[in-house]
Protein backbone atom coordinates (compact mmCIF):
# COMPACT_ATOMS: atom_id res chain seq x y z
CA MET A 1 -0.04 0.14 0.12
CA LYS A 2 0.86 3.72 -0.18
CA SER A 3 0.80 6.41 2.24
CA ALA A 4 -1.41 9.27 3.46
CA THR A 5 -1.59 13.02 2.75
CA SER A 6 -4.59 15.73 2.45
CA PRO A 7 -8.96 16.00 1.50
CA ALA A 8 -13.69 16.83 0.53
CA SER A 9 -16.38 16.02 -1.93
CA PRO A 10 -19.12 17.55 -4.25
CA LEU A 11 -22.30 18.25 -2.57
CA LEU A 12 -25.50 20.18 -3.59
CA VAL A 13 -27.81 19.62 -0.66
CA ILE A 14 -30.17 22.03 0.86
CA ILE A 15 -31.99 20.95 4.07
CA VAL A 16 -35.08 22.91 4.86
CA ALA A 17 -35.42 24.48 8.22
CA ALA A 18 -38.02 21.70 9.78
CA ALA A 19 -36.13 18.81 8.21
CA PHE A 20 -32.76 20.28 9.24
CA LEU A 21 -34.02 20.59 12.93
CA LEU A 22 -35.39 16.78 12.85
CA VAL A 23 -32.17 15.51 11.49
CA GLY A 24 -30.23 17.33 14.09
CA VAL A 25 -32.12 16.24 16.88
CA ALA A 26 -32.07 12.65 15.50
CA VAL A 27 -28.24 12.42 15.49
CA GLY A 28 -27.77 14.05 18.66
CA TYR A 29 -26.24 17.48 17.78
CA GLU A 30 -26.83 20.32 19.85
CA LEU A 31 -28.49 23.13 17.92
CA ARG A 32 -27.92 26.39 19.73
CA GLY A 33 -29.62 29.70 19.36
CA PRO A 34 -28.25 32.47 17.07
CA ALA A 35 -25.00 34.09 17.55
CA PRO A 36 -24.83 37.38 19.25
CA SER A 37 -26.12 39.96 16.72
CA SER A 38 -27.34 42.84 19.00
CA PRO A 39 -25.96 46.34 18.95
CA GLN A 40 -24.44 45.50 22.20
CA ALA A 41 -22.54 42.48 20.82
CA GLN A 42 -21.39 44.39 17.80
CA ALA A 43 -20.16 47.25 20.11
CA SER A 44 -18.19 44.89 22.43
CA GLN A 45 -16.76 42.86 19.24
CA THR A 46 -17.63 39.33 20.15
CA LEU A 47 -16.54 36.91 17.64
CA SER A 48 -19.19 34.49 16.47
CA VAL A 49 -18.25 31.11 14.77
CA THR A 50 -20.08 28.28 13.06
CA ALA A 51 -18.01 25.52 11.98
CA ALA A 52 -17.20 21.63 11.38
CA GLY A 53 -17.24 19.80 14.62
CA THR A 54 -13.43 18.70 14.10
CA LEU A 55 -12.46 22.35 14.19
CA GLY A 56 -13.79 22.51 17.75
CA THR A 57 -10.34 22.12 19.15
CA VAL A 58 -8.23 24.49 16.90
CA PHE A 59 -10.63 27.19 16.16
CA PRO A 60 -10.83 28.45 19.52
CA GLN A 61 -7.26 28.43 20.02
CA VAL A 62 -7.14 30.88 16.79
CA ALA A 63 -9.95 32.95 18.36
CA ASP A 64 -8.00 33.45 21.61
CA ALA A 65 -4.93 34.53 19.53
CA LEU A 66 -7.09 37.01 17.92
CA ALA A 67 -8.60 38.35 21.11
CA ASN A 68 -5.00 38.51 22.64
CA ASN A 69 -3.78 40.56 19.57
CA SER A 70 -6.93 42.78 19.78
CA PRO A 71 -7.93 44.77 22.69
CA GLY A 72 -11.83 44.85 23.26
CA VAL A 73 -12.41 41.46 21.15
CA GLN A 74 -14.14 38.83 23.06
CA VAL A 75 -14.38 35.29 22.15
CA PRO A 76 -16.56 33.28 24.64
CA SER A 77 -17.35 29.61 23.81
CA ALA A 78 -21.24 30.48 24.00
CA SER A 79 -20.65 32.20 20.48
CA GLN A 80 -18.85 29.27 18.75
CA GLN A 81 -20.70 26.34 17.46
CA TYR A 82 -19.27 23.16 16.24
CA GLU A 83 -21.19 20.25 14.69
CA GLY A 84 -21.48 18.48 11.39
CA SER A 85 -20.59 21.00 8.45
CA ILE A 86 -23.80 20.76 6.91
CA LEU A 87 -25.69 21.68 10.15
CA ALA A 88 -23.33 24.43 10.75
CA LEU A 89 -23.83 26.22 7.38
CA ASN A 90 -27.45 25.66 7.27
CA ALA A 91 -27.66 27.38 10.57
CA ILE A 92 -27.00 30.35 8.17
CA ALA A 93 -28.50 29.40 4.97
CA GLN A 94 -31.79 27.84 6.49
CA LEU A 95 -32.28 29.13 9.98
CA HIS A 96 -30.90 32.66 9.09
CA GLN A 97 -28.60 32.89 12.16
CA SER A 98 -25.67 35.27 11.91
CA TYR A 99 -22.06 34.72 12.47
CA ASP A 100 -18.68 36.38 11.76
CA VAL A 101 -17.30 33.12 10.52
CA ALA A 102 -18.39 29.99 8.94
CA ALA A 103 -16.12 26.91 8.11
CA ALA A 104 -16.55 23.50 6.87
CA ALA A 105 -14.68 20.31 6.25
CA ASP A 106 -15.69 20.10 2.62
CA TYR A 107 -14.64 22.70 0.26
CA HIS A 108 -17.76 22.10 -1.90
CA LEU A 109 -20.23 23.17 0.67
CA ILE A 110 -19.83 26.86 1.29
CA PRO A 111 -20.33 27.22 -2.67
CA SER A 112 -23.28 24.99 -2.72
CA LEU A 113 -25.05 25.97 0.58
CA LEU A 114 -24.17 29.52 1.07
CA GLU A 115 -23.24 31.12 -2.23
CA SER A 116 -24.64 33.65 -3.62
CA SER A 117 -27.02 34.78 -1.13
CA ASN A 118 -24.97 34.11 2.15
CA ALA A 119 -21.31 34.30 1.03
CA GLY A 120 -19.12 35.47 -2.03
CA TRP A 121 -16.10 33.62 -1.35
CA GLU A 122 -14.21 30.83 0.51
CA VAL A 123 -10.77 30.30 1.61
CA GLY A 124 -9.18 26.64 1.62
CA PHE A 125 -6.91 26.86 4.72
CA ALA A 126 -6.21 23.06 5.69
CA SER A 127 -6.34 19.53 4.61
CA THR A 128 -6.05 16.25 6.58
CA PRO A 129 -6.33 12.60 5.59
CA GLU A 130 -8.81 10.09 7.05
CA ALA A 131 -7.38 7.60 9.50
CA LEU A 132 -8.76 4.65 11.37
CA ALA A 133 -8.97 5.49 15.07
CA TYR A 134 -9.55 2.46 17.26
CA ASP A 135 -9.96 1.30 20.97
CA PRO A 136 -6.43 -0.30 21.88
CA THR A 137 -8.21 -2.45 24.50
CA ALA A 138 -10.32 -4.47 21.97
CA SER A 139 -8.49 -7.79 21.74
CA ALA A 140 -9.62 -8.32 18.08
CA LEU A 141 -7.62 -5.24 17.14
CA SER A 142 -4.25 -6.41 18.84
CA GLY A 143 -1.61 -5.90 16.26
CA ILE A 144 -3.46 -3.69 13.67
CA ASN A 145 -1.43 -1.82 11.30
CA ALA A 146 -1.56 0.04 8.15
CA THR A 147 -1.59 -3.27 6.09
CA ASN A 148 -3.94 -5.52 8.11
CA TRP A 149 -6.64 -3.14 9.20
CA PRO A 150 -9.39 -4.19 6.67
CA GLN A 151 -9.16 -7.86 7.92
CA LYS A 152 -9.08 -6.73 11.74
CA ILE A 153 -12.19 -4.42 11.50
CA GLY A 154 -13.96 -7.08 9.69
CA GLN A 155 -13.78 -9.74 12.97
CA PRO A 156 -16.58 -10.41 14.96
CA GLY A 157 -17.12 -8.28 17.98
CA VAL A 158 -15.79 -4.99 16.08
CA ARG A 159 -18.31 -2.32 15.56
CA MET A 160 -17.59 1.00 13.63
CA GLY A 161 -18.90 4.38 14.44
CA VAL A 162 -20.27 6.01 11.44
CA ALA A 163 -21.19 9.77 11.15
CA ASN A 164 -24.49 10.64 9.33
CA ALA A 165 -23.48 11.44 5.82
CA SER A 166 -26.50 13.75 5.32
CA THR A 167 -25.26 16.16 8.15
CA ASP A 168 -21.60 15.59 8.27
CA PRO A 169 -18.97 15.13 5.49
CA ASN A 170 -17.14 12.48 7.56
CA GLY A 171 -20.05 10.40 7.15
CA TYR A 172 -19.61 10.10 3.30
CA ASN A 173 -15.93 10.24 3.56
CA GLU A 174 -15.84 7.20 5.88
CA ILE A 175 -17.92 5.43 3.09
CA PHE A 176 -15.58 6.49 0.43
CA SER A 177 -12.49 5.36 2.35
CA LEU A 178 -14.10 1.91 2.99
CA GLN A 179 -15.13 1.80 -0.92
CA LEU A 180 -11.67 2.59 -2.06
CA GLU A 181 -9.79 0.09 0.23
CA GLY A 182 -11.95 -2.61 -1.22
CA LEU A 183 -11.12 -1.45 -4.61
CA GLU A 184 -7.39 -1.30 -3.82
CA GLN A 185 -7.29 -4.81 -2.22
CA ASN A 186 -9.95 -6.76 -4.35
CA GLY A 187 -10.90 -4.67 -7.15
CA SER A 188 -14.28 -4.08 -5.61
CA LEU A 189 -15.70 -1.11 -4.23
CA ALA A 190 -18.00 -3.38 -2.44
CA SER A 191 -15.72 -5.72 -0.78
CA VAL A 192 -14.95 -3.93 2.57
CA TYR A 193 -18.09 -1.60 2.45
CA GLY A 194 -20.24 -4.32 2.27
CA HIS A 195 -19.44 -5.53 5.86
CA PHE A 196 -20.78 -2.30 7.24
CA PHE A 197 -23.66 -1.49 4.99
CA THR A 198 -26.50 -3.42 3.60
CA THR A 199 -27.10 -1.43 0.56
CA PRO A 200 -25.22 -1.41 -2.61
CA VAL A 201 -22.39 1.10 -3.40
CA GLY A 202 -23.71 4.12 -4.89
CA SER A 203 -27.13 4.08 -3.10
CA TYR A 204 -28.04 5.45 0.08
CA ALA A 205 -25.73 3.78 2.73
CA VAL A 206 -27.92 1.87 5.41
CA THR A 207 -25.75 0.48 8.16
CA ASN A 208 -25.47 -3.15 9.24
CA PRO A 209 -26.62 -2.85 13.04
CA ALA A 210 -24.36 -5.89 13.90
CA THR A 211 -21.19 -3.98 12.45
CA ALA A 212 -21.96 -0.30 12.50
CA LYS A 213 -23.58 2.41 14.66
CA ILE A 214 -24.35 5.87 13.45
CA GLU A 215 -23.02 8.47 15.92
CA PRO A 216 -21.75 12.03 15.75
CA GLU A 217 -18.17 12.37 14.64
CA THR A 218 -17.59 14.77 17.58
CA GLN A 219 -18.22 12.09 19.94
CA ALA A 220 -15.65 9.59 18.57
CA ALA A 221 -13.17 10.03 21.38
CA LEU A 222 -15.74 9.34 23.86
CA LEU A 223 -17.36 6.38 22.18
CA LEU A 224 -13.96 4.71 21.63
CA SER A 225 -12.94 5.13 25.31
CA THR A 226 -16.06 3.84 26.49
CA HIS A 227 -16.17 0.74 24.10
CA VAL A 228 -19.35 1.60 22.53
CA VAL A 229 -17.53 1.23 19.19
CA GLN A 230 -14.14 -0.12 18.47
CA VAL A 231 -13.28 1.68 15.39
CA PHE A 232 -13.98 5.09 13.67
CA ILE A 233 -12.70 6.36 10.36
CA ILE A 234 -12.16 9.94 11.17
CA TYR A 235 -9.90 12.98 10.23
CA GLN A 236 -6.32 12.23 11.23
CA SER A 237 -6.19 15.85 12.77
CA TYR A 238 -9.05 14.59 15.02
CA ALA A 239 -7.27 11.53 16.04
CA VAL A 240 -3.91 13.53 16.85
CA SER A 241 -5.54 16.42 18.88
CA HIS A 242 -7.54 13.88 20.94
CA HIS A 243 -4.67 11.52 21.59
CA LEU A 244 -6.42 8.65 20.00
CA SER A 245 -4.62 5.33 18.77
CA TYR A 246 -4.92 5.13 14.93
CA VAL A 247 -3.50 3.64 11.80
CA PRO A 248 -2.90 5.90 8.85
CA LEU A 249 -4.53 5.12 5.87
CA ASP A 250 -2.85 4.87 2.38
CA HIS A 251 -3.03 8.00 0.12
CA SER A 252 -5.20 6.06 -2.46
CA VAL A 253 -8.10 5.69 0.02
CA SER A 254 -7.28 8.44 2.61
CA LEU A 255 -8.94 11.44 0.55
CA GLY A 256 -5.71 12.96 1.65
CA SER A 257 -4.08 13.78 -1.70
CA THR A 258 -4.86 16.50 -4.31
CA ALA A 259 -2.42 14.66 -6.97
CA PRO A 260 -4.66 14.44 -10.08
CA ALA A 261 -4.40 10.47 -10.33
CA ASP A 262 -5.73 10.44 -6.43
CA VAL A 263 -8.44 13.05 -7.30
CA THR A 264 -9.66 10.85 -10.28
CA ASN A 265 -9.45 7.72 -8.23
CA TYR A 266 -11.40 9.01 -5.32
CA ALA A 267 -14.39 10.13 -7.62
CA LYS A 268 -14.91 6.31 -8.20
CA ALA A 269 -16.31 5.94 -4.64
CA SER A 270 -19.96 7.15 -4.37
CA THR A 271 -22.95 7.35 -2.07
CA GLU A 272 -26.35 8.82 -1.72
CA ILE A 273 -27.49 11.39 1.06
CA LEU A 274 -30.87 12.70 1.79
CA THR A 275 -32.03 15.84 0.24
CA ALA A 276 -34.70 18.26 1.25
CA SER A 277 -37.63 16.46 -0.17
CA GLY A 278 -36.54 13.14 1.39
CA ALA A 279 -35.26 12.01 -1.84
CA THR A 280 -31.43 11.18 -2.58
CA GLN A 281 -28.64 12.89 -3.94
CA LEU A 282 -25.54 11.18 -5.38
CA VAL A 283 -22.08 12.51 -3.88
CA ARG A 284 -18.79 11.28 -4.97
CA GLY A 285 -15.29 11.04 -3.26
CA ALA A 286 -13.06 13.93 -3.38
CA PRO A 287 -9.89 15.33 -1.13
CA VAL A 288 -10.70 16.74 2.37
CA ILE A 289 -10.14 20.51 2.25
CA PHE A 290 -11.20 22.62 4.90
CA SER A 291 -12.46 26.05 4.02
CA ALA A 292 -13.88 29.40 5.59
CA THR A 293 -15.76 32.44 4.73
CA VAL A 294 -17.19 35.60 6.21
CA PRO A 295 -20.99 35.37 5.75
CA THR A 296 -22.75 38.42 4.04
CA ASN A 297 -24.86 38.79 7.09
CA ALA A 298 -21.86 38.79 9.71
CA PRO A 299 -22.76 41.00 12.61
CA ASN A 300 -18.88 41.90 12.85
CA PRO A 301 -17.74 41.31 9.24
CA GLN A 302 -14.20 43.26 9.87
CA LEU A 303 -13.72 40.94 12.91
CA GLY A 304 -14.55 37.81 11.00
CA THR A 305 -12.04 38.94 8.16
CA GLU A 306 -9.37 39.30 10.80
CA PHE A 307 -10.01 35.91 12.05
CA VAL A 308 -9.71 34.35 8.53
CA ASP A 309 -6.48 36.46 8.04
CA LEU A 310 -5.11 35.11 11.34
CA LEU A 311 -5.99 31.55 10.20
CA ILE A 312 -4.00 31.72 7.13
CA SER A 313 -1.07 33.37 8.59
CA ALA A 314 2.04 31.80 9.73
CA GLU A 315 0.84 32.07 13.34
CA GLY A 316 -2.55 30.30 12.37
CA GLY A 317 -0.61 27.72 10.34
CA GLN A 318 1.48 26.81 13.56
CA LEU A 319 -1.50 26.24 15.65
CA LEU A 320 -3.33 24.16 12.80
CA GLN A 321 -0.17 21.98 12.49
CA ALA A 322 0.02 21.52 16.45
CA ALA A 323 -3.42 20.21 16.08
CA GLY A 324 -2.88 17.61 13.25
CA PHE A 325 -3.74 19.63 10.13
CA THR A 326 -1.73 20.30 7.10
CA PRO A 327 -2.07 24.16 6.50
CA LEU A 328 -2.18 24.98 2.90
CA VAL A 329 0.38 27.78 2.35
CA PRO A 330 -0.52 30.16 0.71
CA ALA A 331 -4.39 29.33 1.20
CA TRP A 332 -6.39 28.68 -1.80
CA LEU A 333 -9.13 31.16 -2.65
CA GLN A 334 -12.32 30.91 -4.60
CA SER A 335 -14.78 33.79 -5.04
CA ILE A 336 -17.85 34.92 -7.03
CA GLY A 337 -17.81 38.29 -5.16
CA THR A 338 -15.96 40.97 -3.55
CA VAL A 339 -12.93 39.64 -1.17
CA PRO A 340 -11.16 41.61 1.48
CA PRO A 341 -7.82 42.80 0.14
CA GLU A 342 -5.97 41.21 3.24
CA ILE A 343 -7.21 37.76 2.08
CA ILE A 344 -6.67 38.12 -1.53
CA GLY A 345 -2.76 39.08 -0.62
CA ALA A 346 -2.52 35.96 1.24
CA THR A 347 -4.02 33.36 -1.06
CA GLN A 348 -3.59 31.90 -4.67
CA PRO A 349 -6.64 30.39 -6.65
CA PHE A 350 -7.79 26.88 -6.04
CA PRO A 351 -6.09 24.14 -8.23
CA ALA A 352 -7.68 23.75 -11.43
CA SER A 353 -7.87 19.74 -10.78
CA LEU A 354 -10.32 20.85 -7.87
CA PRO A 355 -13.24 22.45 -9.32
CA VAL A 356 -15.49 24.33 -7.28
CA THR A 357 -19.08 25.16 -8.13
CA GLY A 358 -21.42 27.66 -6.40
CA GLY A 359 -25.21 27.41 -5.53
């Protein structure tokens, strides 16, 4: 096998407010109230953030650094929301909440869910491959490594945690990694995937209750430590920042590479997710790239811009790297509207091999 690198996937999904609330409750995410947007909040310069759950470790550190450098800026945890990326962005798109910064674990989501009404640009700032986090106390997983992990996780008594693919990109990225590993080993997308899901490749993925359990990605560390699940395919950055035992995946299956050949290979994996009407939408494998924007309805747009500017700076890159991410230097910019000059000056265009489409 080969080694790991960097990540996301094409997605055009719009979840109406009522369906969004029901799905959020069903998968156990906490749906918080709107971020501070009152005149008092604006006057006191309180930063508000909605972002992918796996950014919940490093983003508060970036926010604290911003506050330390900016007298009068406040960054309370109550104004920061971290959950599945689709839920996070739909807090703006569907529930009309206002935040200074929005960030996702899939670079397709800001264009498809927020542009053009709620955002005019995005910056790809970091990547991370998928990795197999595991419970080191599970006897069936003794001796697990980068070569034998597909056989180890297929043993009796091993259950995999799987994020909800209709609310969280890691849910469909887990599916893609399983399919691609089967393709790599046996020439069949279904050979590893089929142990954990009962439906065919490319259709809506229904878990096998004996081998897989739908759980929020943000709870992976707790679920592994309490032996609710024994394995969880998750962002390597999450495994690093939560000090989990993990096996790195080959770059051909980790969604961690932006090399054109790997991008083409990733797109062979596919699944369906729920749409607003309850029908299904096909999504395909792609590299995992984390991206951020300042929404058009941000209470403090200049403060949001300063956060993103710090995020893509050398200081932000050091914080990202310490948390297990690979910073993109310079960061990648995609826009359909006006971009703050400080952001333009610190970025380059998205690679042509990674097309970005807006909604």
